[in-house]
Amino acid sequence: GPRLLWREWEGQYVTYNDTTGDTHLLDRLAANALLSLEKTPATLKELSIRVAGFSGVEADDDVLAYTQDMIDDFLRRNLIEAGTQ
């Protein structure tokens, strides 16, 4: 997958994808999810449980839908590859 370089300023995260040359601004929740995937690949359900934990909420259908949207965004931005989710 892509190699991502990270910087954080005041709760906002910037990641540089050295494969595409693109830089992306992420909020804390998206950054935590992406960093989590870098360390340990996960299924949608597994990642939604992690996202719920980051947010301090229960892992319900809303969190699952939010996580799917996040994964779709990561794929569009080439931050993850299909199958690494």
C-alpha atoms as a PDB file:
ATOM      1  CA  GLY A   1       0.000   0.000   0.000  1.00  0.00           C
ATOM      2  CA  PRO A   2       0.935   3.626  -0.057  1.00  0.00           C
ATOM      3  CA  ARG A   3       3.538   4.959   2.328  1.00  0.00           C
ATOM      4  CA  LEU A   4       2.074   7.811   4.341  1.00  0.00           C
ATOM      5  CA  LEU A   5       4.046  10.491   6.159  1.00  0.00           C
ATOM      6  CA  TRP A   6       2.224  12.257   8.999  1.00  0.00           C
ATOM      7  CA  ARG A   7       2.170  15.665  10.718  1.00  0.00           C
ATOM      8  CA  GLU A   8      -0.279  16.958  13.339  1.00  0.00           C
ATOM      9  CA  TRP A   9      -1.119  20.540  14.227  1.00  0.00           C
ATOM     10  CA  GLU A  10      -3.762  21.476  16.800  1.00  0.00           C
ATOM     11  CA  GLY A  11      -5.941  18.412  16.234  1.00  0.00           C
ATOM     12  CA  GLN A  12      -5.687  18.474  12.439  1.00  0.00           C
ATOM     13  CA  TYR A  13      -3.631  15.836  10.676  1.00  0.00           C
ATOM     14  CA  VAL A  14      -1.853  16.105   7.357  1.00  0.00           C
ATOM     15  CA  THR A  15      -0.671  13.013   5.556  1.00  0.00           C
ATOM     16  CA  TYR A  16       1.504  12.895   2.478  1.00  0.00           C
ATOM     17  CA  ASN A  17       1.147   9.895   0.178  1.00  0.00           C
ATOM     18  CA  ASP A  18       4.569   9.310  -1.339  1.00  0.00           C
ATOM     19  CA  THR A  19       3.066   7.053  -4.020  1.00  0.00           C
ATOM     20  CA  THR A  20       0.729   9.698  -5.491  1.00  0.00           C
ATOM     21  CA  GLY A  21       2.452  12.853  -4.261  1.00  0.00           C
ATOM     22  CA  ASP A  22      -0.838  14.027  -2.757  1.00  0.00           C
ATOM     23  CA  THR A  23      -1.250  15.682   0.624  1.00  0.00           C
ATOM     24  CA  HIS A  24      -4.489  15.202   2.598  1.00  0.00           C
ATOM     25  CA  LEU A  25      -5.989  17.033   5.571  1.00  0.00           C
ATOM     26  CA  LEU A  26      -7.784  14.715   8.009  1.00  0.00           C
ATOM     27  CA  ASP A  27      -9.632  15.301  11.239  1.00  0.00           C
ATOM     28  CA  ARG A  28      -8.612  13.416  14.366  1.00  0.00           C
ATOM     29  CA  LEU A  29     -11.153  10.602  13.914  1.00  0.00           C
ATOM     30  CA  ALA A  30     -10.208   9.900  10.279  1.00  0.00           C
ATOM     31  CA  ALA A  31      -6.509  10.080  11.147  1.00  0.00           C
ATOM     32  CA  ASN A  32      -6.941   7.630  14.041  1.00  0.00           C
ATOM     33  CA  ALA A  33      -8.851   5.238  11.790  1.00  0.00           C
ATOM     34  CA  LEU A  34      -6.239   5.428   9.030  1.00  0.00           C
ATOM     35  CA  LEU A  35      -3.331   5.056  11.448  1.00  0.00           C
ATOM     36  CA  SER A  36      -5.129   2.075  12.958  1.00  0.00           C
ATOM     37  CA  LEU A  37      -5.443   0.469   9.519  1.00  0.00           C
ATOM     38  CA  GLU A  38      -1.754   1.076   8.849  1.00  0.00           C
ATOM     39  CA  LYS A  39      -0.885  -0.888  11.976  1.00  0.00           C
ATOM     40  CA  THR A  40      -3.495  -3.636  11.694  1.00  0.00           C
ATOM     41  CA  PRO A  41      -5.756  -4.262   8.688  1.00  0.00           C
ATOM     42  CA  ALA A  42      -9.412  -4.691   9.613  1.00  0.00           C
ATOM     43  CA  THR A  43     -12.793  -5.570   8.221  1.00  0.00           C
ATOM     44  CA  LEU A  44     -15.472  -2.900   8.065  1.00  0.00           C
ATOM     45  CA  LYS A  45     -17.038  -4.187  11.268  1.00  0.00           C
ATOM     46  CA  GLU A  46     -13.682  -4.345  13.091  1.00  0.00           C
ATOM     47  CA  LEU A  47     -12.813  -0.808  12.013  1.00  0.00           C
ATOM     48  CA  SER A  48     -16.247   0.482  13.017  1.00  0.00           C
ATOM     49  CA  ILE A  49     -15.650  -0.906  16.512  1.00  0.00           C
ATOM     50  CA  ARG A  50     -12.319   0.932  16.619  1.00  0.00           C
ATOM     51  CA  VAL A  51     -13.962   4.139  15.359  1.00  0.00           C
ATOM     52  CA  ALA A  52     -16.627   3.846  18.050  1.00  0.00           C
ATOM     53  CA  GLY A  53     -13.887   3.446  20.642  1.00  0.00           C
ATOM     54  CA  PHE A  54     -12.040   6.524  19.342  1.00  0.00           C
ATOM     55  CA  SER A  55     -15.307   8.468  19.572  1.00  0.00           C
ATOM     56  CA  GLY A  56     -16.443   7.114  22.915  1.00  0.00           C
ATOM     57  CA  VAL A  57     -19.757   5.908  21.488  1.00  0.00           C
ATOM     58  CA  GLU A  58     -21.443   2.559  21.010  1.00  0.00           C
ATOM     59  CA  ALA A  59     -20.654   0.642  17.811  1.00  0.00           C
ATOM     60  CA  ASP A  60     -24.070   0.786  16.146  1.00  0.00           C
ATOM     61  CA  ASP A  61     -25.428   0.946  12.588  1.00  0.00           C
ATOM     62  CA  ASP A  62     -24.731   4.702  12.368  1.00  0.00           C
ATOM     63  CA  VAL A  63     -21.067   4.160  13.221  1.00  0.00           C
ATOM     64  CA  LEU A  64     -20.909   1.301  10.719  1.00  0.00           C
ATOM     65  CA  ALA A  65     -22.336   3.551   7.958  1.00  0.00           C
ATOM     66  CA  TYR A  66     -19.971   6.390   8.928  1.00  0.00           C
ATOM     67  CA  THR A  67     -17.021   4.001   8.832  1.00  0.00           C
ATOM     68  CA  GLN A  68     -18.047   2.740   5.376  1.00  0.00           C
ATOM     69  CA  ASP A  69     -18.148   6.333   4.128  1.00  0.00           C
ATOM     70  CA  MET A  70     -14.708   6.906   5.641  1.00  0.00           C
ATOM     71  CA  ILE A  71     -13.303   3.813   3.924  1.00  0.00           C
ATOM     72  CA  ASP A  72     -14.826   4.903   0.603  1.00  0.00           C
ATOM     73  CA  ASP A  73     -13.147   8.289   1.039  1.00  0.00           C
ATOM     74  CA  PHE A  74      -9.795   6.650   1.865  1.00  0.00           C
ATOM     75  CA  LEU A  75     -10.090   4.509  -1.281  1.00  0.00           C
ATOM     76  CA  ARG A  76     -10.967   7.547  -3.456  1.00  0.00           C
ATOM     77  CA  ARG A  77      -7.936   9.383  -2.106  1.00  0.00           C
ATOM     78  CA  ASN A  78      -5.677   6.347  -2.603  1.00  0.00           C
ATOM     79  CA  LEU A  79      -4.855   6.285   1.103  1.00  0.00           C
ATOM     80  CA  ILE A  80      -5.662   2.584   1.333  1.00  0.00           C
ATOM     81  CA  GLU A  81      -5.920  -0.204  -1.201  1.00  0.00           C
ATOM     82  CA  ALA A  82      -8.959  -2.424  -1.609  1.00  0.00           C
ATOM     83  CA  GLY A  83      -8.496  -5.445   0.600  1.00  0.00           C
ATOM     84  CA  THR A  84      -6.582  -3.485   3.252  1.00  0.00           C
ATOM     85  CA  GLN A  85      -9.823  -2.573   4.939  1.00  0.00           C
END
